[in-house]
Amino acid sequence: MENPHRINKYISAPVVRVVGENVEPGIMNLRDALALSEEQGLDLVEISPNANPPVCKIIDYKKFLYEQKKKQKEIKAKTAKVVVKEIRMGPNTD
């Protein structure tokens, strides 16, 4: 299965905008951003590849995917609760 996001060494942009918890938001070289994420023991994930420069977030990627799946499940559960009930009426129904 292909990852929906580019992470760590798979990010191709030379300069990225870095955001995340415990991180000073700003634009920096990819090498510096990778070093910063590695220092914190987290992953650098490309959140918005079409922005200029691309936006990358320093997060735990496995936890991020887990939370996304959880949100998708909740949305699916809320939409699937439409039930159509049928009542048959015959000539002898009181």
PDB file of N, CA and C in Angstrom:
ATOM      1  N   MET A   1       0.838  -1.197   0.000  1.00  0.00           N
ATOM      2  CA  MET A   1       0.000   0.000   0.000  1.00  0.00           C
ATOM      3  C   MET A   1       0.881   1.260   0.000  1.00  0.00           C
ATOM      4  N   GLU A   2       0.584   2.166  -0.904  1.00  0.00           N
ATOM      5  CA  GLU A   2       1.330   3.420  -1.026  1.00  0.00           C
ATOM      6  C   GLU A   2       0.891   4.383   0.078  1.00  0.00           C
ATOM      7  N   ASN A   3       1.861   5.046   0.704  1.00  0.00           N
ATOM      8  CA  ASN A   3       1.520   6.039   1.726  1.00  0.00           C
ATOM      9  C   ASN A   3       0.902   7.257   1.056  1.00  0.00           C
ATOM     10  N   PRO A   4      -0.176   7.814   1.625  1.00  0.00           N
ATOM     11  CA  PRO A   4      -0.793   8.998   1.026  1.00  0.00           C
ATOM     12  C   PRO A   4       0.058  10.260   1.178  1.00  0.00           C
ATOM     13  N   HIS A   5       1.005  10.242   2.102  1.00  0.00           N
ATOM     14  CA  HIS A   5       1.880  11.398   2.333  1.00  0.00           C
ATOM     15  C   HIS A   5       3.331  11.004   2.121  1.00  0.00           C
ATOM     16  N   ARG A   6       4.146  11.974   1.717  1.00  0.00           N
ATOM     17  CA  ARG A   6       5.594  11.721   1.659  1.00  0.00           C
ATOM     18  C   ARG A   6       6.156  11.999   3.041  1.00  0.00           C
ATOM     19  N   ILE A   7       7.038  11.113   3.503  1.00  0.00           N
ATOM     20  CA  ILE A   7       7.627  11.322   4.822  1.00  0.00           C
ATOM     21  C   ILE A   7       9.142  11.264   4.748  1.00  0.00           C
ATOM     22  N   ASN A   8       9.776  11.971   5.661  1.00  0.00           N
ATOM     23  CA  ASN A   8      11.224  12.006   5.845  1.00  0.00           C
ATOM     24  C   ASN A   8      12.003  12.120   4.540  1.00  0.00           C
ATOM     25  N   LYS A   9      12.789  11.109   4.180  1.00  0.00           N
ATOM     26  CA  LYS A   9      13.689  11.217   3.026  1.00  0.00           C
ATOM     27  C   LYS A   9      12.968  11.208   1.679  1.00  0.00           C
ATOM     28  N   TYR A  10      11.666  10.914   1.653  1.00  0.00           N
ATOM     29  CA  TYR A  10      10.920  10.887   0.390  1.00  0.00           C
ATOM     30  C   TYR A  10      10.404  12.262  -0.035  1.00  0.00           C
ATOM     31  N   ILE A  11      10.569  13.268   0.818  1.00  0.00           N
ATOM     32  CA  ILE A  11      10.176  14.635   0.473  1.00  0.00           C
ATOM     33  C   ILE A  11      11.200  15.174  -0.508  1.00  0.00           C
ATOM     34  N   SER A  12      10.731  15.723  -1.639  1.00  0.00           N
ATOM     35  CA  SER A  12      11.655  16.117  -2.703  1.00  0.00           C
ATOM     36  C   SER A  12      11.969  17.612  -2.744  1.00  0.00           C
ATOM     37  N   ALA A  13      11.170  18.441  -2.097  1.00  0.00           N
ATOM     38  CA  ALA A  13      11.387  19.889  -2.146  1.00  0.00           C
ATOM     39  C   ALA A  13      12.653  20.277  -1.366  1.00  0.00           C
ATOM     40  N   PRO A  14      13.465  21.208  -1.915  1.00  0.00           N
ATOM     41  CA  PRO A  14      14.689  21.624  -1.211  1.00  0.00           C
ATOM     42  C   PRO A  14      14.413  22.509   0.008  1.00  0.00           C
ATOM     43  N   VAL A  15      13.302  23.272  -0.050  1.00  0.00           N
ATOM     44  CA  VAL A  15      12.943  24.184   1.039  1.00  0.00           C
ATOM     45  C   VAL A  15      11.500  23.891   1.446  1.00  0.00           C
ATOM     46  N   VAL A  16      11.232  23.824   2.757  1.00  0.00           N
ATOM     47  CA  VAL A  16       9.883  23.517   3.240  1.00  0.00           C
ATOM     48  C   VAL A  16       9.475  24.468   4.360  1.00  0.00           C
ATOM     49  N   ARG A  17       8.149  24.613   4.540  1.00  0.00           N
ATOM     50  CA  ARG A  17       7.609  25.372   5.671  1.00  0.00           C
ATOM     51  C   ARG A  17       7.311  24.352   6.764  1.00  0.00           C
ATOM     52  N   VAL A  18       7.907  24.533   7.924  1.00  0.00           N
ATOM     53  CA  VAL A  18       7.782  23.557   9.003  1.00  0.00           C
ATOM     54  C   VAL A  18       6.799  24.054  10.056  1.00  0.00           C
ATOM     55  N   VAL A  19       5.870  23.163  10.455  1.00  0.00           N
ATOM     56  CA  VAL A  19       4.926  23.453  11.545  1.00  0.00           C
ATOM     57  C   VAL A  19       4.864  22.233  12.447  1.00  0.00           C
ATOM     58  N   GLY A  20       4.245  22.373  13.607  1.00  0.00           N
ATOM     59  CA  GLY A  20       4.094  21.249  14.527  1.00  0.00           C
ATOM     60  C   GLY A  20       4.184  21.711  15.962  1.00  0.00           C
ATOM     61  N   GLU A  21       3.930  20.779  16.883  1.00  0.00           N
ATOM     62  CA  GLU A  21       4.029  21.097  18.302  1.00  0.00           C
ATOM     63  C   GLU A  21       5.497  21.208  18.699  1.00  0.00           C
ATOM     64  N   ASN A  22       5.792  22.106  19.617  1.00  0.00           N
ATOM     65  CA  ASN A  22       7.158  22.335  20.110  1.00  0.00           C
ATOM     66  C   ASN A  22       8.121  22.721  18.993  1.00  0.00           C
ATOM     67  N   VAL A  23       7.590  23.345  17.928  1.00  0.00           N
ATOM     68  CA  VAL A  23       8.422  23.745  16.796  1.00  0.00           C
ATOM     69  C   VAL A  23       8.112  25.195  16.459  1.00  0.00           C
ATOM     70  N   GLU A  24       9.167  25.974  16.209  1.00  0.00           N
ATOM     71  CA  GLU A  24       8.996  27.356  15.764  1.00  0.00           C
ATOM     72  C   GLU A  24       8.593  27.314  14.295  1.00  0.00           C
ATOM     73  N   PRO A  25       7.343  27.736  13.956  1.00  0.00           N
ATOM     74  CA  PRO A  25       6.926  27.687  12.551  1.00  0.00           C
ATOM     75  C   PRO A  25       7.826  28.581  11.691  1.00  0.00           C
ATOM     76  N   GLY A  26       8.205  28.081  10.538  1.00  0.00           N
ATOM     77  CA  GLY A  26       9.037  28.877   9.652  1.00  0.00           C
ATOM     78  C   GLY A  26       9.485  28.089   8.445  1.00  0.00           C
ATOM     79  N   ILE A  27      10.193  28.776   7.554  1.00  0.00           N
ATOM     80  CA  ILE A  27      10.699  28.164   6.326  1.00  0.00           C
ATOM     81  C   ILE A  27      12.156  27.801   6.542  1.00  0.00           C
ATOM     82  N   MET A  28      12.525  26.562   6.182  1.00  0.00           N
ATOM     83  CA  MET A  28      13.913  26.122   6.351  1.00  0.00           C
ATOM     84  C   MET A  28      14.284  25.096   5.293  1.00  0.00           C
ATOM     85  N   ASN A  29      15.583  24.819   5.192  1.00  0.00           N
ATOM     86  CA  ASN A  29      16.064  23.799   4.268  1.00  0.00           C
ATOM     87  C   ASN A  29      15.546  22.440   4.706  1.00  0.00           C
ATOM     88  N   LEU A  30      15.370  21.550   3.740  1.00  0.00           N
ATOM     89  CA  LEU A  30      14.882  20.208   4.036  1.00  0.00           C
ATOM     90  C   LEU A  30      15.815  19.487   5.008  1.00  0.00           C
ATOM     91  N   ARG A  31      17.124  19.651   4.813  1.00  0.00           N
ATOM     92  CA  ARG A  31      18.114  18.979   5.665  1.00  0.00           C
ATOM     93  C   ARG A  31      17.951  19.415   7.123  1.00  0.00           C
ATOM     94  N   ASP A  32      17.765  20.730   7.334  1.00  0.00           N
ATOM     95  CA  ASP A  32      17.578  21.248   8.697  1.00  0.00           C
ATOM     96  C   ASP A  32      16.276  20.735   9.316  1.00  0.00           C
ATOM     97  N   ALA A  33      15.214  20.686   8.498  1.00  0.00           N
ATOM     98  CA  ALA A  33      13.916  20.211   8.978  1.00  0.00           C
ATOM     99  C   ALA A  33      13.995  18.737   9.372  1.00  0.00           C
ATOM    100  N   LEU A  34      14.689  17.944   8.559  1.00  0.00           N
ATOM    101  CA  LEU A  34      14.853  16.516   8.878  1.00  0.00           C
ATOM    102  C   LEU A  34      15.649  16.333  10.166  1.00  0.00           C
ATOM    103  N   ALA A  35      16.695  17.156  10.330  1.00  0.00           N
ATOM    104  CA  ALA A  35      17.517  17.075  11.544  1.00  0.00           C
ATOM    105  C   ALA A  35      16.675  17.426  12.772  1.00  0.00           C
ATOM    106  N   LEU A  36      15.821  18.457  12.641  1.00  0.00           N
ATOM    107  CA  LEU A  36      14.962  18.887  13.742  1.00  0.00           C
ATOM    108  C   LEU A  36      13.970  17.779  14.127  1.00  0.00           C
ATOM    109  N   SER A  37      13.381  17.138  13.125  1.00  0.00           N
ATOM    110  CA  SER A  37      12.403  16.076  13.414  1.00  0.00           C
ATOM    111  C   SER A  37      13.088  14.851  14.027  1.00  0.00           C
ATOM    112  N   GLU A  38      14.281  14.535  13.536  1.00  0.00           N
ATOM    113  CA  GLU A  38      15.020  13.390  14.068  1.00  0.00           C
ATOM    114  C   GLU A  38      15.439  13.642  15.519  1.00  0.00           C
ATOM    115  N   GLU A  39      15.794  14.879  15.795  1.00  0.00           N
ATOM    116  CA  GLU A  39      16.196  15.282  17.144  1.00  0.00           C
ATOM    117  C   GLU A  39      15.067  15.039  18.144  1.00  0.00           C
ATOM    118  N   GLN A  40      13.815  15.227  17.682  1.00  0.00           N
ATOM    119  CA  GLN A  40      12.644  15.029  18.545  1.00  0.00           C
ATOM    120  C   GLN A  40      12.132  13.593  18.498  1.00  0.00           C
ATOM    121  N   GLY A  41      12.726  12.765  17.641  1.00  0.00           N
ATOM    122  CA  GLY A  41      12.296  11.375  17.521  1.00  0.00           C
ATOM    123  C   GLY A  41      10.968  11.230  16.798  1.00  0.00           C
ATOM    124  N   LEU A  42      10.645  12.188  15.928  1.00  0.00           N
ATOM    125  CA  LEU A  42       9.381  12.172  15.197  1.00  0.00           C
ATOM    126  C   LEU A  42       9.645  12.143  13.690  1.00  0.00           C
ATOM    127  N   ASP A  43       8.567  12.148  12.905  1.00  0.00           N
ATOM    128  CA  ASP A  43       8.680  12.118  11.447  1.00  0.00           C
ATOM    129  C   ASP A  43       8.346  13.481  10.858  1.00  0.00           C
ATOM    130  N   LEU A  44       8.966  13.779   9.719  1.00  0.00           N
ATOM    131  CA  LEU A  44       8.639  14.981   8.953  1.00  0.00           C
ATOM    132  C   LEU A  44       7.678  14.536   7.865  1.00  0.00           C
ATOM    133  N   VAL A  45       6.432  15.014   7.910  1.00  0.00           N
ATOM    134  CA  VAL A  45       5.391  14.573   6.983  1.00  0.00           C
ATOM    135  C   VAL A  45       4.950  15.747   6.118  1.00  0.00           C
ATOM    136  N   GLU A  46       4.908  15.521   4.800  1.00  0.00           N
ATOM    137  CA  GLU A  46       4.477  16.556   3.854  1.00  0.00           C
ATOM    138  C   GLU A  46       2.952  16.607   3.872  1.00  0.00           C
ATOM    139  N   ILE A  47       2.391  17.651   4.485  1.00  0.00           N
ATOM    140  CA  ILE A  47       0.941  17.779   4.638  1.00  0.00           C
ATOM    141  C   ILE A  47       0.309  18.423   3.403  1.00  0.00           C
ATOM    142  N   SER A  48       0.927  19.477   2.900  1.00  0.00           N
ATOM    143  CA  SER A  48       0.387  20.201   1.750  1.00  0.00           C
ATOM    144  C   SER A  48       1.461  20.349   0.676  1.00  0.00           C
ATOM    145  N   PRO A  49       1.574  19.356  -0.232  1.00  0.00           N
ATOM    146  CA  PRO A  49       2.644  19.379  -1.231  1.00  0.00           C
ATOM    147  C   PRO A  49       2.475  20.451  -2.303  1.00  0.00           C
ATOM    148  N   ASN A  50       1.240  20.960  -2.506  1.00  0.00           N
ATOM    149  CA  ASN A  50       0.996  21.934  -3.577  1.00  0.00           C
ATOM    150  C   ASN A  50       1.260  23.379  -3.166  1.00  0.00           C
ATOM    151  N   ALA A  51       1.471  23.610  -1.882  1.00  0.00           N
ATOM    152  CA  ALA A  51       1.756  24.967  -1.398  1.00  0.00           C
ATOM    153  C   ALA A  51       3.169  25.367  -1.833  1.00  0.00           C
ATOM    154  N   ASN A  52       3.448  26.654  -1.757  1.00  0.00           N
ATOM    155  CA  ASN A  52       4.789  27.119  -2.125  1.00  0.00           C
ATOM    156  C   ASN A  52       5.364  27.923  -0.974  1.00  0.00           C
ATOM    157  N   PRO A  53       6.359  27.465  -0.223  1.00  0.00           N
ATOM    158  CA  PRO A  53       6.953  26.123  -0.280  1.00  0.00           C
ATOM    159  C   PRO A  53       6.028  25.092   0.360  1.00  0.00           C
ATOM    160  N   PRO A  54       6.261  23.783   0.092  1.00  0.00           N
ATOM    161  CA  PRO A  54       5.405  22.737   0.657  1.00  0.00           C
ATOM    162  C   PRO A  54       5.390  22.783   2.194  1.00  0.00           C
ATOM    163  N   VAL A  55       4.214  22.506   2.774  1.00  0.00           N
ATOM    164  CA  VAL A  55       4.075  22.534   4.230  1.00  0.00           C
ATOM    165  C   VAL A  55       4.343  21.141   4.782  1.00  0.00           C
ATOM    166  N   CYS A  56       5.272  21.053   5.735  1.00  0.00           N
ATOM    167  CA  CYS A  56       5.602  19.781   6.383  1.00  0.00           C
ATOM    168  C   CYS A  56       5.358  19.926   7.879  1.00  0.00           C
ATOM    169  N   LYS A  57       4.858  18.852   8.487  1.00  0.00           N
ATOM    170  CA  LYS A  57       4.555  18.879   9.910  1.00  0.00           C
ATOM    171  C   LYS A  57       5.405  17.836  10.623  1.00  0.00           C
ATOM    172  N   ILE A  58       5.922  18.204  11.781  1.00  0.00           N
ATOM    173  CA  ILE A  58       6.720  17.266  12.577  1.00  0.00           C
ATOM    174  C   ILE A  58       5.768  16.569  13.545  1.00  0.00           C
ATOM    175  N   ILE A  59       5.468  15.279  13.242  1.00  0.00           N
ATOM    176  CA  ILE A  59       4.522  14.496  14.035  1.00  0.00           C
ATOM    177  C   ILE A  59       4.947  13.035  14.038  1.00  0.00           C
ATOM    178  N   ASP A  60       4.299  12.248  14.903  1.00  0.00           N
ATOM    179  CA  ASP A  60       4.473  10.794  14.890  1.00  0.00           C
ATOM    180  C   ASP A  60       3.536  10.267  13.802  1.00  0.00           C
ATOM    181  N   TYR A  61       4.093   9.781  12.691  1.00  0.00           N
ATOM    182  CA  TYR A  61       3.302   9.432  11.510  1.00  0.00           C
ATOM    183  C   TYR A  61       2.299   8.304  11.786  1.00  0.00           C
ATOM    184  N   LYS A  62       2.706   7.288  12.545  1.00  0.00           N
ATOM    185  CA  LYS A  62       1.801   6.161  12.834  1.00  0.00           C
ATOM    186  C   LYS A  62       0.581   6.646  13.620  1.00  0.00           C
ATOM    187  N   LYS A  63       0.821   7.524  14.587  1.00  0.00           N
ATOM    188  CA  LYS A  63      -0.270   8.078  15.395  1.00  0.00           C
ATOM    189  C   LYS A  63      -1.187   8.931  14.517  1.00  0.00           C
ATOM    190  N   PHE A  64      -0.591   9.697  13.610  1.00  0.00           N
ATOM    191  CA  PHE A  64      -1.334  10.550  12.674  1.00  0.00           C
ATOM    192  C   PHE A  64      -2.265   9.697  11.811  1.00  0.00           C
ATOM    193  N   LEU A  65      -1.757   8.597  11.251  1.00  0.00           N
ATOM    194  CA  LEU A  65      -2.573   7.705  10.414  1.00  0.00           C
ATOM    195  C   LEU A  65      -3.695   7.074  11.229  1.00  0.00           C
ATOM    196  N   TYR A  66      -3.380   6.660  12.457  1.00  0.00           N
ATOM    197  CA  TYR A  66      -4.374   6.047  13.338  1.00  0.00           C
ATOM    198  C   TYR A  66      -5.531   7.015  13.591  1.00  0.00           C
ATOM    199  N   GLU A  67      -5.195   8.274  13.897  1.00  0.00           N
ATOM    200  CA  GLU A  67      -6.234   9.271  14.182  1.00  0.00           C
ATOM    201  C   GLU A  67      -7.070   9.573  12.938  1.00  0.00           C
ATOM    202  N   GLN A  68      -6.435   9.581  11.758  1.00  0.00           N
ATOM    203  CA  GLN A  68      -7.179   9.805  10.516  1.00  0.00           C
ATOM    204  C   GLN A  68      -8.176   8.679  10.261  1.00  0.00           C
ATOM    205  N   LYS A  69      -7.730   7.429  10.457  1.00  0.00           N
ATOM    206  CA  LYS A  69      -8.622   6.281  10.261  1.00  0.00           C
ATOM    207  C   LYS A  69      -9.785   6.342  11.240  1.00  0.00           C
ATOM    208  N   LYS A  70      -9.502   6.737  12.483  1.00  0.00           N
ATOM    209  CA  LYS A  70     -10.526   6.850  13.514  1.00  0.00           C
ATOM    210  C   LYS A  70     -11.584   7.884  13.113  1.00  0.00           C
ATOM    211  N   LYS A  71     -11.137   9.027  12.586  1.00  0.00           N
ATOM    212  CA  LYS A  71     -12.065  10.072  12.137  1.00  0.00           C
ATOM    213  C   LYS A  71     -12.920   9.566  10.985  1.00  0.00           C
ATOM    214  N   GLN A  72     -12.300   8.857  10.032  1.00  0.00           N
ATOM    215  CA  GLN A  72     -13.037   8.317   8.888  1.00  0.00           C
ATOM    216  C   GLN A  72     -14.111   7.325   9.360  1.00  0.00           C
ATOM    217  N   LYS A  73     -13.750   6.492  10.340  1.00  0.00           N
ATOM    218  CA  LYS A  73     -14.692   5.518  10.882  1.00  0.00           C
ATOM    219  C   LYS A  73     -15.885   6.211  11.528  1.00  0.00           C
ATOM    220  N   GLU A  74     -15.616   7.273  12.291  1.00  0.00           N
ATOM    221  CA  GLU A  74     -16.685   8.027  12.956  1.00  0.00           C
ATOM    222  C   GLU A  74     -17.628   8.627  11.931  1.00  0.00           C
ATOM    223  N   ILE A  75     -17.068   9.209  10.877  1.00  0.00           N
ATOM    224  CA  ILE A  75     -17.884   9.824   9.825  1.00  0.00           C
ATOM    225  C   ILE A  75     -18.747   8.767   9.152  1.00  0.00           C
ATOM    226  N   LYS A  76     -18.153   7.615   8.869  1.00  0.00           N
ATOM    227  CA  LYS A  76     -18.880   6.524   8.224  1.00  0.00           C
ATOM    228  C   LYS A  76     -19.998   6.017   9.132  1.00  0.00           C
ATOM    229  N   ALA A  77     -19.726   5.881  10.418  1.00  0.00           N
ATOM    230  CA  ALA A  77     -20.723   5.386  11.365  1.00  0.00           C
ATOM    231  C   ALA A  77     -21.909   6.342  11.471  1.00  0.00           C
ATOM    232  N   LYS A  78     -21.648   7.630  11.411  1.00  0.00           N
ATOM    233  CA  LYS A  78     -22.723   8.614  11.522  1.00  0.00           C
ATOM    234  C   LYS A  78     -23.615   8.618  10.288  1.00  0.00           C
ATOM    235  N   THR A  79     -23.042   8.379   9.110  1.00  0.00           N
ATOM    236  CA  THR A  79     -23.825   8.432   7.882  1.00  0.00           C
ATOM    237  C   THR A  79     -24.593   7.140   7.615  1.00  0.00           C
ATOM    238  N   ALA A  80     -24.167   6.025   8.185  1.00  0.00           N
ATOM    239  CA  ALA A  80     -24.773   4.730   7.881  1.00  0.00           C
ATOM    240  C   ALA A  80     -26.034   4.435   8.688  1.00  0.00           C
ATOM    241  N   LYS A  81     -26.507   5.368   9.495  1.00  0.00           N
ATOM    242  CA  LYS A  81     -27.631   5.079  10.378  1.00  0.00           C
ATOM    243  C   LYS A  81     -28.988   5.463   9.800  1.00  0.00           C
ATOM    244  N   VAL A  82     -29.123   5.488   8.471  1.00  0.00           N
ATOM    245  CA  VAL A  82     -30.407   5.763   7.844  1.00  0.00           C
ATOM    246  C   VAL A  82     -31.088   4.425   7.597  1.00  0.00           C
ATOM    247  N   VAL A  83     -32.224   4.191   8.267  1.00  0.00           N
ATOM    248  CA  VAL A  83     -32.936   2.918   8.153  1.00  0.00           C
ATOM    249  C   VAL A  83     -34.359   3.196   7.674  1.00  0.00           C
ATOM    250  N   VAL A  84     -34.763   2.483   6.634  1.00  0.00           N
ATOM    251  CA  VAL A  84     -36.120   2.639   6.119  1.00  0.00           C
ATOM    252  C   VAL A  84     -36.957   1.485   6.661  1.00  0.00           C
ATOM    253  N   LYS A  85     -38.055   1.831   7.335  1.00  0.00           N
ATOM    254  CA  LYS A  85     -38.935   0.800   7.878  1.00  0.00           C
ATOM    255  C   LYS A  85     -40.155   0.672   6.972  1.00  0.00           C
ATOM    256  N   GLU A  86     -40.598  -0.559   6.842  1.00  0.00           N
ATOM    257  CA  GLU A  86     -41.709  -0.838   5.933  1.00  0.00           C
ATOM    258  C   GLU A  86     -42.888  -1.402   6.727  1.00  0.00           C
ATOM    259  N   ILE A  87     -44.082  -0.938   6.420  1.00  0.00           N
ATOM    260  CA  ILE A  87     -45.292  -1.465   7.055  1.00  0.00           C
ATOM    261  C   ILE A  87     -46.219  -1.947   5.948  1.00  0.00           C
ATOM    262  N   ARG A  88     -46.656  -3.179   6.078  1.00  0.00           N
ATOM    263  CA  ARG A  88     -47.568  -3.719   5.069  1.00  0.00           C
ATOM    264  C   ARG A  88     -48.996  -3.608   5.594  1.00  0.00           C
ATOM    265  N   MET A  89     -49.848  -3.050   4.769  1.00  0.00           N
ATOM    266  CA  MET A  89     -51.251  -2.885   5.142  1.00  0.00           C
ATOM    267  C   MET A  89     -52.102  -3.815   4.288  1.00  0.00           C
ATOM    268  N   GLY A  90     -52.893  -4.647   4.943  1.00  0.00           N
ATOM    269  CA  GLY A  90     -53.788  -5.543   4.230  1.00  0.00           C
ATOM    270  C   GLY A  90     -55.230  -5.149   4.479  1.00  0.00           C
ATOM    271  N   PRO A  91     -56.162  -5.782   3.818  1.00  0.00           N
ATOM    272  CA  PRO A  91     -57.585  -5.426   3.980  1.00  0.00           C
ATOM    273  C   PRO A  91     -58.138  -5.746   5.374  1.00  0.00           C
ATOM    274  N   ASN A  92     -57.487  -6.645   6.142  1.00  0.00           N
ATOM    275  CA  ASN A  92     -57.993  -7.023   7.457  1.00  0.00           C
ATOM    276  C   ASN A  92     -57.269  -6.314   8.601  1.00  0.00           C
ATOM    277  N   THR A  93     -56.426  -5.284   8.324  1.00  0.00           N
ATOM    278  CA  THR A  93     -55.693  -4.585   9.360  1.00  0.00           C
ATOM    279  C   THR A  93     -56.622  -3.663  10.136  1.00  0.00           C
ATOM    280  N   ASP A  94     -56.639  -3.792  11.469  1.00  0.00           N
ATOM    281  CA  ASP A  94     -57.489  -2.923  12.306  1.00  0.00           C
ATOM    282  C   ASP A  94     -56.737  -1.677  12.700  1.00  0.00           C
TER     283      ASP A  94
END
